[in-house]
PDB file of N, CA and C in Angstrom:
ATOM      1  N   MET A   1      91.676  50.267 -55.645  1.00  0.00           N
ATOM      2  CA  MET A   1      92.107  49.253 -56.579  1.00  0.00           C
ATOM      3  C   MET A   1      93.540  49.520 -57.020  1.00  0.00           C
ATOM      4  N   LEU A   2      93.819  50.720 -57.480  1.00  0.00           N
ATOM      5  CA  LEU A   2      95.157  51.062 -57.957  1.00  0.00           C
ATOM      6  C   LEU A   2      96.167  51.010 -56.816  1.00  0.00           C
ATOM      7  N   VAL A   3      95.806  51.555 -55.674  1.00  0.00           N
ATOM      8  CA  VAL A   3      96.728  51.589 -54.536  1.00  0.00           C
ATOM      9  C   VAL A   3      97.063  50.169 -54.076  1.00  0.00           C
ATOM     10  N   THR A   4      96.081  49.296 -54.046  1.00  0.00           N
ATOM     11  CA  THR A   4      96.316  47.915 -53.633  1.00  0.00           C
ATOM     12  C   THR A   4      97.231  47.198 -54.609  1.00  0.00           C
ATOM     13  N   ALA A   5      97.003  47.388 -55.897  1.00  0.00           N
ATOM     14  CA  ALA A   5      97.839  46.743 -56.908  1.00  0.00           C
ATOM     15  C   ALA A   5      99.281  47.243 -56.835  1.00  0.00           C
ATOM     16  N   VAL A   6      99.450  48.548 -56.696  1.00  0.00           N
ATOM     17  CA  VAL A   6     100.799  49.115 -56.592  1.00  0.00           C
ATOM     18  C   VAL A   6     101.473  48.627 -55.315  1.00  0.00           C
ATOM     19  N   ALA A   7     100.728  48.533 -54.230  1.00  0.00           N
ATOM     20  CA  ALA A   7     101.300  48.052 -52.963  1.00  0.00           C
ATOM     21  C   ALA A   7     101.775  46.612 -53.086  1.00  0.00           C
ATOM     22  N   ILE A   8     101.029  45.774 -53.783  1.00  0.00           N
ATOM     23  CA  ILE A   8     101.435  44.374 -53.983  1.00  0.00           C
ATOM     24  C   ILE A   8     102.733  44.316 -54.775  1.00  0.00           C
ATOM     25  N   VAL A   9     102.814  45.068 -55.854  1.00  0.00           N
ATOM     26  CA  VAL A   9     104.009  45.048 -56.698  1.00  0.00           C
ATOM     27  C   VAL A   9     105.213  45.619 -55.949  1.00  0.00           C
ATOM     28  N   PHE A  10     105.045  46.761 -55.283  1.00  0.00           N
ATOM     29  CA  PHE A  10     106.155  47.372 -54.567  1.00  0.00           C
ATOM     30  C   PHE A  10     106.614  46.495 -53.404  1.00  0.00           C
ATOM     31  N   THR A  11     105.683  45.831 -52.718  1.00  0.00           N
ATOM     32  CA  THR A  11     106.043  44.935 -51.623  1.00  0.00           C
ATOM     33  C   THR A  11     106.827  43.745 -52.138  1.00  0.00           C
ATOM     34  N   TRP A  12     106.422  43.193 -53.265  1.00  0.00           N
ATOM     35  CA  TRP A  12     107.151  42.073 -53.859  1.00  0.00           C
ATOM     36  C   TRP A  12     108.564  42.507 -54.242  1.00  0.00           C
ATOM     37  N   VAL A  13     108.698  43.692 -54.840  1.00  0.00           N
ATOM     38  CA  VAL A  13     110.026  44.193 -55.209  1.00  0.00           C
ATOM     39  C   VAL A  13     110.878  44.376 -53.955  1.00  0.00           C
ATOM     40  N   PHE A  14     110.320  44.987 -52.915  1.00  0.00           N
ATOM     41  CA  PHE A  14     111.047  45.201 -51.660  1.00  0.00           C
ATOM     42  C   PHE A  14     111.511  43.885 -51.052  1.00  0.00           C
ATOM     43  N   ASN A  15     110.620  42.922 -50.950  1.00  0.00           N
ATOM     44  CA  ASN A  15     110.970  41.638 -50.339  1.00  0.00           C
ATOM     45  C   ASN A  15     111.999  40.873 -51.153  1.00  0.00           C
ATOM     46  N   ASN A  16     111.948  40.960 -52.468  1.00  0.00           N
ATOM     47  CA  ASN A  16     112.871  40.210 -53.311  1.00  0.00           C
ATOM     48  C   ASN A  16     114.143  40.979 -53.624  1.00  0.00           C
ATOM     49  N   ALA A  17     114.280  42.180 -53.106  1.00  0.00           N
ATOM     50  CA  ALA A  17     115.520  42.953 -53.236  1.00  0.00           C
ATOM     51  C   ALA A  17     116.246  42.966 -51.898  1.00  0.00           C
ATOM     52  N   SER A  18     116.038  41.959 -51.092  1.00  0.00           N
ATOM     53  CA  SER A  18     116.660  41.822 -49.773  1.00  0.00           C
ATOM     54  C   SER A  18     116.370  43.003 -48.865  1.00  0.00           C
ATOM     55  N   GLY A  19     115.185  43.559 -48.971  1.00  0.00           N
ATOM     56  CA  GLY A  19     114.788  44.656 -48.103  1.00  0.00           C
ATOM     57  C   GLY A  19     115.382  45.995 -48.493  1.00  0.00           C
ATOM     58  N   SER A  20     115.769  46.148 -49.756  1.00  0.00           N
ATOM     59  CA  SER A  20     116.373  47.398 -50.218  1.00  0.00           C
ATOM     60  C   SER A  20     115.287  48.446 -50.479  1.00  0.00           C
ATOM     61  N   VAL A  21     115.359  49.531 -49.736  1.00  0.00           N
ATOM     62  CA  VAL A  21     114.402  50.612 -49.923  1.00  0.00           C
ATOM     63  C   VAL A  21     114.770  51.435 -51.163  1.00  0.00           C
ATOM     64  N   LEU A  22     116.059  51.460 -51.513  1.00  0.00           N
ATOM     65  CA  LEU A  22     116.521  52.256 -52.649  1.00  0.00           C
ATOM     66  C   LEU A  22     115.844  51.834 -53.942  1.00  0.00           C
ATOM     67  N   ILE A  23     115.735  50.549 -54.197  1.00  0.00           N
ATOM     68  CA  ILE A  23     115.133  50.087 -55.451  1.00  0.00           C
ATOM     69  C   ILE A  23     113.649  50.450 -55.499  1.00  0.00           C
ATOM     70  N   VAL A  24     112.974  50.399 -54.362  1.00  0.00           N
ATOM     71  CA  VAL A  24     111.561  50.772 -54.314  1.00  0.00           C
ATOM     72  C   VAL A  24     111.403  52.276 -54.525  1.00  0.00           C
ATOM     73  N   MET A  25     112.320  53.065 -53.947  1.00  0.00           N
ATOM     74  CA  MET A  25     112.282  54.512 -54.153  1.00  0.00           C
ATOM     75  C   MET A  25     112.513  54.868 -55.619  1.00  0.00           C
ATOM     76  N   LEU A  26     113.460  54.200 -56.257  1.00  0.00           N
ATOM     77  CA  LEU A  26     113.716  54.446 -57.676  1.00  0.00           C
ATOM     78  C   LEU A  26     112.522  54.036 -58.537  1.00  0.00           C
ATOM     79  N   MET A  27     111.892  52.922 -58.186  1.00  0.00           N
ATOM     80  CA  MET A  27     110.706  52.480 -58.920  1.00  0.00           C
ATOM     81  C   MET A  27     109.558  53.466 -58.750  1.00  0.00           C
ATOM     82  N   HIS A  28     109.375  53.978 -57.545  1.00  0.00           N
ATOM     83  CA  HIS A  28     108.326  54.955 -57.275  1.00  0.00           C
ATOM     84  C   HIS A  28     108.593  56.250 -58.047  1.00  0.00           C
ATOM     85  N   ALA A  29     109.839  56.712 -58.043  1.00  0.00           N
ATOM     86  CA  ALA A  29     110.190  57.932 -58.772  1.00  0.00           C
ATOM     87  C   ALA A  29     110.000  57.751 -60.275  1.00  0.00           C
ATOM     88  N   MET A  30     110.368  56.589 -60.792  1.00  0.00           N
ATOM     89  CA  MET A  30     110.184  56.304 -62.209  1.00  0.00           C
ATOM     90  C   MET A  30     108.695  56.276 -62.570  1.00  0.00           C
ATOM     91  N   ASN A  31     107.886  55.673 -61.714  1.00  0.00           N
ATOM     92  CA  ASN A  31     106.444  55.630 -61.952  1.00  0.00           C
ATOM     93  C   ASN A  31     105.857  57.039 -61.973  1.00  0.00           C
ATOM     94  N   ASN A  32     106.251  57.875 -61.002  1.00  0.00           N
ATOM     95  CA  ASN A  32     105.741  59.242 -60.967  1.00  0.00           C
ATOM     96  C   ASN A  32     106.184  60.046 -62.179  1.00  0.00           C
ATOM     97  N   THR A  33     107.420  59.868 -62.601  1.00  0.00           N
ATOM     98  CA  THR A  33     107.939  60.607 -63.748  1.00  0.00           C
ATOM     99  C   THR A  33     107.229  60.201 -65.027  1.00  0.00           C
ATOM    100  N   ILE A  34     107.103  58.910 -65.245  1.00  0.00           N
ATOM    101  CA  ILE A  34     106.500  58.434 -66.492  1.00  0.00           C
ATOM    102  C   ILE A  34     105.005  58.714 -66.531  1.00  0.00           C
ATOM    103  N   SER A  35     104.290  58.361 -65.460  1.00  0.00           N
ATOM    104  CA  SER A  35     102.832  58.510 -65.506  1.00  0.00           C
ATOM    105  C   SER A  35     102.378  59.944 -65.281  1.00  0.00           C
ATOM    106  N   GLY A  36     103.105  60.712 -64.494  1.00  0.00           N
ATOM    107  CA  GLY A  36     102.681  62.078 -64.197  1.00  0.00           C
ATOM    108  C   GLY A  36     103.240  63.101 -65.152  1.00  0.00           C
ATOM    109  N   SER A  37     104.543  63.203 -65.210  1.00  0.00           N
ATOM    110  CA  SER A  37     105.181  64.256 -65.989  1.00  0.00           C
ATOM    111  C   SER A  37     105.186  63.972 -67.487  1.00  0.00           C
ATOM    112  N   PHE A  38     105.349  62.715 -67.851  1.00  0.00           N
ATOM    113  CA  PHE A  38     105.471  62.389 -69.270  1.00  0.00           C
ATOM    114  C   PHE A  38     104.107  62.172 -69.921  1.00  0.00           C
ATOM    115  N   PHE A  39     103.387  61.148 -69.480  1.00  0.00           N
ATOM    116  CA  PHE A  39     102.094  60.835 -70.091  1.00  0.00           C
ATOM    117  C   PHE A  39     100.987  61.788 -69.644  1.00  0.00           C
ATOM    118  N   GLY A  40     101.089  62.307 -68.433  1.00  0.00           N
ATOM    119  CA  GLY A  40     100.055  63.201 -67.921  1.00  0.00           C
ATOM    120  C   GLY A  40      99.891  64.464 -68.743  1.00  0.00           C
ATOM    121  N   GLN A  41     100.968  64.945 -69.353  1.00  0.00           N
ATOM    122  CA  GLN A  41     100.921  66.150 -70.172  1.00  0.00           C
ATOM    123  C   GLN A  41     100.265  65.913 -71.530  1.00  0.00           C
ATOM    124  N   MET A  42     100.183  64.671 -71.954  1.00  0.00           N
ATOM    125  CA  MET A  42      99.662  64.354 -73.289  1.00  0.00           C
ATOM    126  C   MET A  42      98.138  64.299 -73.347  1.00  0.00           C
ATOM    127  N   PHE A  43      97.499  64.075 -72.205  1.00  0.00           N
ATOM    128  CA  PHE A  43      96.061  63.847 -72.194  1.00  0.00           C
ATOM    129  C   PHE A  43      95.351  64.909 -71.357  1.00  0.00           C
ATOM    130  N   SER A  44      94.114  65.192 -71.720  1.00  0.00           N
ATOM    131  CA  SER A  44      93.286  66.108 -70.934  1.00  0.00           C
ATOM    132  C   SER A  44      91.825  65.684 -71.070  1.00  0.00           C
ATOM    133  N   GLY A  45      91.012  66.082 -70.109  1.00  0.00           N
ATOM    134  CA  GLY A  45      89.581  65.796 -70.152  1.00  0.00           C
ATOM    135  C   GLY A  45      89.272  64.320 -70.054  1.00  0.00           C
ATOM    136  N   ALA A  46      88.410  63.861 -70.961  1.00  0.00           N
ATOM    137  CA  ALA A  46      87.984  62.463 -70.955  1.00  0.00           C
ATOM    138  C   ALA A  46      89.136  61.519 -71.281  1.00  0.00           C
ATOM    139  N   ASP A  47      90.068  61.996 -72.116  1.00  0.00           N
ATOM    140  CA  ASP A  47      91.225  61.158 -72.434  1.00  0.00           C
ATOM    141  C   ASP A  47      92.092  60.931 -71.197  1.00  0.00           C
ATOM    142  N   SER A  48      92.181  61.925 -70.327  1.00  0.00           N
ATOM    143  CA  SER A  48      92.951  61.784 -69.096  1.00  0.00           C
ATOM    144  C   SER A  48      92.315  60.736 -68.186  1.00  0.00           C
ATOM    145  N   LEU A  49      91.004  60.725 -68.126  1.00  0.00           N
ATOM    146  CA  LEU A  49      90.302  59.722 -67.333  1.00  0.00           C
ATOM    147  C   LEU A  49      90.531  58.321 -67.901  1.00  0.00           C
ATOM    148  N   SER A  50      90.472  58.193 -69.215  1.00  0.00           N
ATOM    149  CA  SER A  50      90.726  56.895 -69.847  1.00  0.00           C
ATOM    150  C   SER A  50      92.158  56.435 -69.588  1.00  0.00           C
ATOM    151  N   GLN A  51      93.094  57.364 -69.640  1.00  0.00           N
ATOM    152  CA  GLN A  51      94.497  57.036 -69.382  1.00  0.00           C
ATOM    153  C   GLN A  51      94.674  56.573 -67.943  1.00  0.00           C
ATOM    154  N   SER A  52      93.973  57.178 -67.004  1.00  0.00           N
ATOM    155  CA  SER A  52      94.056  56.781 -65.598  1.00  0.00           C
ATOM    156  C   SER A  52      93.507  55.374 -65.391  1.00  0.00           C
ATOM    157  N   TRP A  53      92.402  55.050 -66.027  1.00  0.00           N
ATOM    158  CA  TRP A  53      91.829  53.703 -65.921  1.00  0.00           C
ATOM    159  C   TRP A  53      92.743  52.668 -66.571  1.00  0.00           C
ATOM    160  N   LEU A  54      93.364  53.034 -67.686  1.00  0.00           N
ATOM    161  CA  LEU A  54      94.289  52.127 -68.357  1.00  0.00           C
ATOM    162  C   LEU A  54      95.502  51.851 -67.472  1.00  0.00           C
ATOM    163  N   LEU A  55      96.010  52.892 -66.822  1.00  0.00           N
ATOM    164  CA  LEU A  55      97.131  52.726 -65.906  1.00  0.00           C
ATOM    165  C   LEU A  55      96.750  51.829 -64.729  1.00  0.00           C
ATOM    166  N   ALA A  56      95.564  52.038 -64.175  1.00  0.00           N
ATOM    167  CA  ALA A  56      95.093  51.198 -63.068  1.00  0.00           C
ATOM    168  C   ALA A  56      94.943  49.747 -63.516  1.00  0.00           C
ATOM    169  N   ALA A  57      94.422  49.527 -64.714  1.00  0.00           N
ATOM    170  CA  ALA A  57      94.271  48.169 -65.241  1.00  0.00           C
ATOM    171  C   ALA A  57      95.625  47.498 -65.445  1.00  0.00           C
ATOM    172  N   LEU A  58      96.597  48.259 -65.889  1.00  0.00           N
ATOM    173  CA  LEU A  58      97.936  47.718 -66.089  1.00  0.00           C
ATOM    174  C   LEU A  58      98.564  47.299 -64.759  1.00  0.00           C
ATOM    175  N   TRP A  59      98.469  48.153 -63.727  1.00  0.00           N
ATOM    176  CA  TRP A  59      98.998  47.804 -62.412  1.00  0.00           C
ATOM    177  C   TRP A  59      98.285  46.580 -61.845  1.00  0.00           C
ATOM    178  N   CYS A  60      96.953  46.496 -62.039  1.00  0.00           N
ATOM    179  CA  CYS A  60      96.192  45.334 -61.544  1.00  0.00           C
ATOM    180  C   CYS A  60      96.618  44.060 -62.259  1.00  0.00           C
ATOM    181  N   ALA A  61      96.851  44.148 -63.565  1.00  0.00           N
ATOM    182  CA  ALA A  61      97.290  42.975 -64.318  1.00  0.00           C
ATOM    183  C   ALA A  61      98.657  42.503 -63.831  1.00  0.00           C
ATOM    184  N   VAL A  62      99.560  43.432 -63.581  1.00  0.00           N
ATOM    185  CA  VAL A  62     100.883  43.063 -63.078  1.00  0.00           C
ATOM    186  C   VAL A  62     100.762  42.431 -61.697  1.00  0.00           C
ATOM    187  N   ALA A  63      99.932  42.983 -60.832  1.00  0.00           N
ATOM    188  CA  ALA A  63      99.751  42.425 -59.488  1.00  0.00           C
ATOM    189  C   ALA A  63      99.144  41.027 -59.545  1.00  0.00           C
ATOM    190  N   ILE A  64      98.172  40.818 -60.407  1.00  0.00           N
ATOM    191  CA  ILE A  64      97.545  39.492 -60.532  1.00  0.00           C
ATOM    192  C   ILE A  64      98.547  38.469 -61.044  1.00  0.00           C
ATOM    193  N   VAL A  65      99.321  38.838 -62.059  1.00  0.00           N
ATOM    194  CA  VAL A  65     100.346  37.931 -62.584  1.00  0.00           C
ATOM    195  C   VAL A  65     101.364  37.605 -61.495  1.00  0.00           C
ATOM    196  N   LEU A  66     101.752  38.598 -60.726  1.00  0.00           N
ATOM    197  CA  LEU A  66     102.714  38.382 -59.639  1.00  0.00           C
ATOM    198  C   LEU A  66     102.172  37.408 -58.604  1.00  0.00           C
ATOM    199  N   VAL A  67     100.926  37.587 -58.211  1.00  0.00           N
ATOM    200  CA  VAL A  67     100.326  36.694 -57.213  1.00  0.00           C
ATOM    201  C   VAL A  67     100.213  35.276 -57.758  1.00  0.00           C
ATOM    202  N   VAL A  68      99.847  35.128 -59.017  1.00  0.00           N
ATOM    203  CA  VAL A  68      99.684  33.794 -59.604  1.00  0.00           C
ATOM    204  C   VAL A  68     101.043  33.122 -59.807  1.00  0.00           C
ATOM    205  N   VAL A  69     102.003  33.849 -60.341  1.00  0.00           N
ATOM    206  CA  VAL A  69     103.299  33.251 -60.658  1.00  0.00           C
ATOM    207  C   VAL A  69     104.157  33.069 -59.408  1.00  0.00           C
ATOM    208  N   ALA A  70     104.273  34.099 -58.581  1.00  0.00           N
ATOM    209  CA  ALA A  70     105.150  34.028 -57.408  1.00  0.00           C
ATOM    210  C   ALA A  70     104.557  33.167 -56.307  1.00  0.00           C
ATOM    211  N   GLY A  71     103.277  33.213 -56.153  1.00  0.00           N
ATOM    212  CA  GLY A  71     102.639  32.441 -55.094  1.00  0.00           C
ATOM    213  C   GLY A  71     102.832  33.077 -53.737  1.00  0.00           C
ATOM    214  N   PRO A  72     102.101  32.591 -52.741  1.00  0.00           N
ATOM    215  CA  PRO A  72     102.150  33.209 -51.420  1.00  0.00           C
ATOM    216  C   PRO A  72     103.493  33.058 -50.717  1.00  0.00           C
ATOM    217  N   GLU A  73     104.261  32.008 -51.032  1.00  0.00           N
ATOM    218  CA  GLU A  73     105.533  31.830 -50.332  1.00  0.00           C
ATOM    219  C   GLU A  73     106.573  32.878 -50.732  1.00  0.00           C
ATOM    220  N   HIS A  74     106.412  33.498 -51.894  1.00  0.00           N
ATOM    221  CA  HIS A  74     107.360  34.520 -52.335  1.00  0.00           C
ATOM    222  C   HIS A  74     106.819  35.935 -52.156  1.00  0.00           C
ATOM    223  N   LEU A  75     105.625  36.077 -51.633  1.00  0.00           N
ATOM    224  CA  LEU A  75     105.066  37.401 -51.416  1.00  0.00           C
ATOM    225  C   LEU A  75     105.174  37.855 -49.974  1.00  0.00           C
ATOM    226  N   SER A  76     105.675  36.990 -49.104  1.00  0.00           N
ATOM    227  CA  SER A  76     105.821  37.383 -47.699  1.00  0.00           C
ATOM    228  C   SER A  76     107.283  37.713 -47.416  1.00  0.00           C
ATOM    229  N   ARG A  77     107.521  38.333 -46.272  1.00  0.00           N
ATOM    230  CA  ARG A  77     108.866  38.751 -45.898  1.00  0.00           C
ATOM    231  C   ARG A  77     109.725  37.532 -45.593  1.00  0.00           C
ATOM    232  N   LYS A  78     110.887  37.465 -46.238  1.00  0.00           N
ATOM    233  CA  LYS A  78     111.830  36.390 -45.977  1.00  0.00           C
ATOM    234  C   LYS A  78     112.997  36.866 -45.120  1.00  0.00           C
ATOM    235  N   HIS A  79     113.303  38.134 -45.176  1.00  0.00           N
ATOM    236  CA  HIS A  79     114.448  38.693 -44.485  1.00  0.00           C
ATOM    237  C   HIS A  79     113.958  39.414 -43.231  1.00  0.00           C
ATOM    238  N   HIS A  80     114.441  39.006 -42.100  1.00  0.00           N
ATOM    239  CA  HIS A  80     113.968  39.540 -40.829  1.00  0.00           C
ATOM    240  C   HIS A  80     115.015  40.469 -40.211  1.00  0.00           C
ATOM    241  N   LYS A  81     115.558  41.385 -40.985  1.00  0.00           N
ATOM    242  CA  LYS A  81     116.595  42.292 -40.495  1.00  0.00           C
ATOM    243  C   LYS A  81     116.083  43.208 -39.394  1.00  0.00           C
ATOM    244  N   GLN A  82     114.863  43.688 -39.524  1.00  0.00           N
ATOM    245  CA  GLN A  82     114.339  44.670 -38.588  1.00  0.00           C
ATOM    246  C   GLN A  82     113.710  44.038 -37.355  1.00  0.00           C
ATOM    247  N   GLU A  83     113.626  42.743 -37.311  1.00  0.00           N
ATOM    248  CA  GLU A  83     112.973  42.079 -36.194  1.00  0.00           C
ATOM    249  C   GLU A  83     114.015  41.543 -35.216  1.00  0.00           C
ATOM    250  N   GLU A  84     113.697  41.604 -33.946  1.00  0.00           N
ATOM    251  CA  GLU A  84     114.565  41.047 -32.915  1.00  0.00           C
ATOM    252  C   GLU A  84     114.096  39.642 -32.566  1.00  0.00           C
ATOM    253  N   GLU A  85     115.013  38.876 -32.031  1.00  0.00           N
ATOM    254  CA  GLU A  85     114.660  37.536 -31.582  1.00  0.00           C
ATOM    255  C   GLU A  85     113.778  37.645 -30.340  1.00  0.00           C
ATOM    256  N   PRO A  86     112.814  36.744 -30.141  1.00  0.00           N
ATOM    257  CA  PRO A  86     111.922  36.813 -28.977  1.00  0.00           C
ATOM    258  C   PRO A  86     112.658  36.743 -27.648  1.00  0.00           C
ATOM    259  N   ALA A  87     113.751  35.978 -27.549  1.00  0.00           N
ATOM    260  CA  ALA A  87     114.482  35.848 -26.286  1.00  0.00           C
ATOM    261  C   ALA A  87     115.153  37.162 -25.913  1.00  0.00           C
ATOM    262  N   GLN A  88     115.631  37.908 -26.892  1.00  0.00           N
ATOM    263  CA  GLN A  88     116.302  39.165 -26.606  1.00  0.00           C
ATOM    264  C   GLN A  88     115.325  40.255 -26.189  1.00  0.00           C
ATOM    265  N   GLN A  89     114.099  40.163 -26.626  1.00  0.00           N
ATOM    266  CA  GLN A  89     113.129  41.201 -26.295  1.00  0.00           C
ATOM    267  C   GLN A  89     112.897  41.276 -24.789  1.00  0.00           C
ATOM    268  N   ALA A  90     112.886  40.152 -24.118  1.00  0.00           N
ATOM    269  CA  ALA A  90     112.655  40.138 -22.677  1.00  0.00           C
ATOM    270  C   ALA A  90     113.854  40.714 -21.929  1.00  0.00           C
ATOM    271  N   THR A  91     115.074  40.411 -22.369  1.00  0.00           N
ATOM    272  CA  THR A  91     116.269  40.904 -21.678  1.00  0.00           C
ATOM    273  C   THR A  91     116.574  42.354 -22.035  1.00  0.00           C
ATOM    274  N   ASP A  92     116.174  42.806 -23.199  1.00  0.00           N
ATOM    275  CA  ASP A  92     116.450  44.164 -23.639  1.00  0.00           C
ATOM    276  C   ASP A  92     115.356  45.150 -23.251  1.00  0.00           C
ATOM    277  N   ALA A  93     114.433  44.743 -22.389  1.00  0.00           N
ATOM    278  CA  ALA A  93     113.309  45.609 -22.044  1.00  0.00           C
ATOM    279  C   ALA A  93     113.769  46.872 -21.330  1.00  0.00           C
ATOM    280  N   THR A  94     114.818  46.770 -20.507  1.00  0.00           N
ATOM    281  CA  THR A  94     115.300  47.950 -19.783  1.00  0.00           C
ATOM    282  C   THR A  94     116.478  48.616 -20.470  1.00  0.00           C
ATOM    283  N   ALA A  95     117.060  47.966 -21.466  1.00  0.00           N
ATOM    284  CA  ALA A  95     118.218  48.526 -22.161  1.00  0.00           C
ATOM    285  C   ALA A  95     117.780  49.580 -23.173  1.00  0.00           C
ATOM    286  N   ALA A  96     118.757  50.323 -23.655  1.00  0.00           N
ATOM    287  CA  ALA A  96     118.487  51.348 -24.669  1.00  0.00           C
ATOM    288  C   ALA A  96     118.076  50.675 -25.971  1.00  0.00           C
ATOM    289  N   PRO A  97     117.309  51.367 -26.813  1.00  0.00           N
ATOM    290  CA  PRO A  97     116.888  50.790 -28.082  1.00  0.00           C
ATOM    291  C   PRO A  97     118.078  50.420 -28.950  1.00  0.00           C
ATOM    292  N   ARG A  98     117.975  49.312 -29.621  1.00  0.00           N
ATOM    293  CA  ARG A  98     119.051  48.814 -30.477  1.00  0.00           C
ATOM    294  C   ARG A  98     118.780  49.195 -31.916  1.00  0.00           C
ATOM    295  N   VAL A  99     119.801  49.684 -32.610  1.00  0.00           N
ATOM    296  CA  VAL A  99     119.679  50.049 -34.010  1.00  0.00           C
ATOM    297  C   VAL A  99     120.234  48.892 -34.832  1.00  0.00           C
ATOM    298  N   VAL A 100     119.426  48.364 -35.742  1.00  0.00           N
ATOM    299  CA  VAL A 100     119.849  47.249 -36.583  1.00  0.00           C
ATOM    300  C   VAL A 100     120.277  47.805 -37.924  1.00  0.00           C
ATOM    301  N   VAL A 101     121.476  47.445 -38.341  1.00  0.00           N
ATOM    302  CA  VAL A 101     122.016  47.947 -39.614  1.00  0.00           C
ATOM    303  C   VAL A 101     121.978  46.894 -40.661  1.00  0.00           C
TER     304      VAL A 101
END
């Protein structure tokens, strides 16, 4: 549940940042810092379990709002930087791999 919700949010951020991996990396690092190092030290035992469920519920709520508000047309990839055109794939079959920048 948590992994799916985080994947939806991170994918939306990636797609709407023109395929920028840097913003997703910064978001991931911020999430780990806040939820692990900062809040994780404050709770133990049953409170830690409650905090984990609350965090999962928060990510799920954000993912649901994103799906409802953005809709399916904004949740799919719009930028095809890493993809080659179908016509070039046939001619480039024997050529060296192409690096797309």
